[in-house]
Amino acid sequence: MASIDEVRAAIMVANERASQTLGELQQAHSSLEQAQGALAQGTEGSNQAEAAEANGLLAQAVNKVAEAQQEVSAAIRAFEGVANRL
């Protein structure tokens, strides 16, 4: 069984990696929103079904990244809760 110090160290590593990932998810979210905006602007007035489909898929991707951000944030809060109780 791991010592308290080993558990704290593991939590800190997990927290650091999750925090880094949170930043990367924010970048992905911003990039996807920019792509969605560029697509919408470039296909404005188009009757192409594929353009509407691509826009919808990008919107879904943006939402999924936002969900992932929320889950990673919740995990970080959980890490911190465990670390505070040690």
Protein backbone atom coordinates (compact mmCIF):
# COMPACT_ATOMS: atom_id res chain seq x y z
CA MET A 1 0.00 0.00 0.00
CA ALA A 2 1.23 3.47 -0.90
CA SER A 3 2.25 5.94 1.76
CA ILE A 4 0.41 9.22 2.20
CA ASP A 5 3.32 11.06 0.59
CA GLU A 6 3.21 8.73 -2.43
CA VAL A 7 -0.54 9.26 -2.76
CA ARG A 8 -0.09 13.04 -2.56
CA ALA A 9 2.66 12.91 -5.21
CA ALA A 10 0.48 10.82 -7.51
CA ILE A 11 -2.42 13.24 -7.04
CA MET A 12 -0.16 16.19 -7.84
CA VAL A 13 1.02 14.51 -11.06
CA ALA A 14 -2.56 13.71 -12.05
CA ASN A 15 -3.61 17.26 -11.24
CA GLU A 16 -0.79 18.75 -13.32
CA ARG A 17 -1.58 16.55 -16.32
CA ALA A 18 -5.32 17.22 -16.04
CA SER A 19 -4.69 20.96 -15.79
CA GLN A 20 -2.48 20.82 -18.87
CA THR A 21 -5.16 18.88 -20.71
CA LEU A 22 -7.75 21.47 -19.66
CA GLY A 23 -5.68 24.14 -21.39
CA GLU A 24 -5.38 22.00 -24.50
CA LEU A 25 -9.13 21.43 -24.50
CA GLN A 26 -9.67 25.19 -24.31
CA GLN A 27 -7.44 25.63 -27.34
CA ALA A 28 -9.35 22.91 -29.20
CA HIS A 29 -12.65 24.54 -28.25
CA SER A 30 -11.49 27.91 -29.58
CA SER A 31 -10.12 26.40 -32.78
CA LEU A 32 -13.34 24.50 -33.45
CA GLU A 33 -15.41 27.64 -32.87
CA GLN A 34 -13.18 29.52 -35.30
CA ALA A 35 -13.55 26.74 -37.87
CA GLN A 36 -17.30 26.78 -37.42
CA GLY A 37 -17.39 30.56 -37.89
CA ALA A 38 -15.20 30.38 -40.99
CA LEU A 39 -17.37 27.65 -42.47
CA ALA A 40 -20.56 29.57 -41.73
CA GLN A 41 -19.13 32.72 -43.29
CA GLY A 42 -17.75 30.91 -46.31
CA THR A 43 -20.94 29.00 -47.05
CA GLU A 44 -23.43 31.73 -46.22
CA GLY A 45 -26.31 31.62 -48.66
CA SER A 46 -25.26 28.23 -49.94
CA ASN A 47 -27.86 25.55 -50.41
CA GLN A 48 -25.31 22.80 -50.05
CA ALA A 49 -26.56 20.15 -47.63
CA GLU A 50 -22.99 19.14 -46.86
CA ALA A 51 -22.20 22.64 -45.61
CA ALA A 52 -25.09 22.52 -43.16
CA GLU A 53 -24.08 19.02 -42.10
CA ALA A 54 -20.46 20.08 -41.55
CA ASN A 55 -21.62 23.07 -39.51
CA GLY A 56 -23.80 20.81 -37.37
CA LEU A 57 -20.95 18.36 -36.86
CA LEU A 58 -18.63 21.16 -35.80
CA ALA A 59 -21.27 22.38 -33.35
CA GLN A 60 -21.46 18.88 -31.89
CA ALA A 61 -17.69 18.77 -31.59
CA VAL A 62 -17.66 22.12 -29.79
CA ASN A 63 -20.27 20.83 -27.34
CA LYS A 64 -18.37 17.60 -26.71
CA VAL A 65 -15.15 19.48 -26.02
CA ALA A 66 -17.05 21.74 -23.60
CA GLU A 67 -18.41 18.62 -21.86
CA ALA A 68 -14.90 17.20 -21.63
CA GLN A 69 -13.70 20.48 -20.10
CA GLN A 70 -16.40 20.25 -17.45
CA GLU A 71 -15.51 16.65 -16.64
CA VAL A 72 -11.79 17.39 -16.38
CA SER A 73 -12.55 20.36 -14.13
CA ALA A 74 -14.68 18.12 -11.91
CA ALA A 75 -11.85 15.59 -11.75
CA ILE A 76 -9.40 18.32 -10.71
CA ARG A 77 -11.76 19.41 -7.93
CA ALA A 78 -12.00 15.78 -6.81
CA PHE A 79 -8.19 15.48 -6.79
CA GLU A 80 -7.97 18.57 -4.65
CA GLY A 81 -10.60 17.22 -2.26
CA VAL A 82 -8.68 13.98 -1.80
CA ALA A 83 -5.39 15.82 -1.34
CA ASN A 84 -6.92 18.13 1.28
CA ARG A 85 -8.15 15.18 3.30
CA LEU A 86 -4.74 13.50 3.42
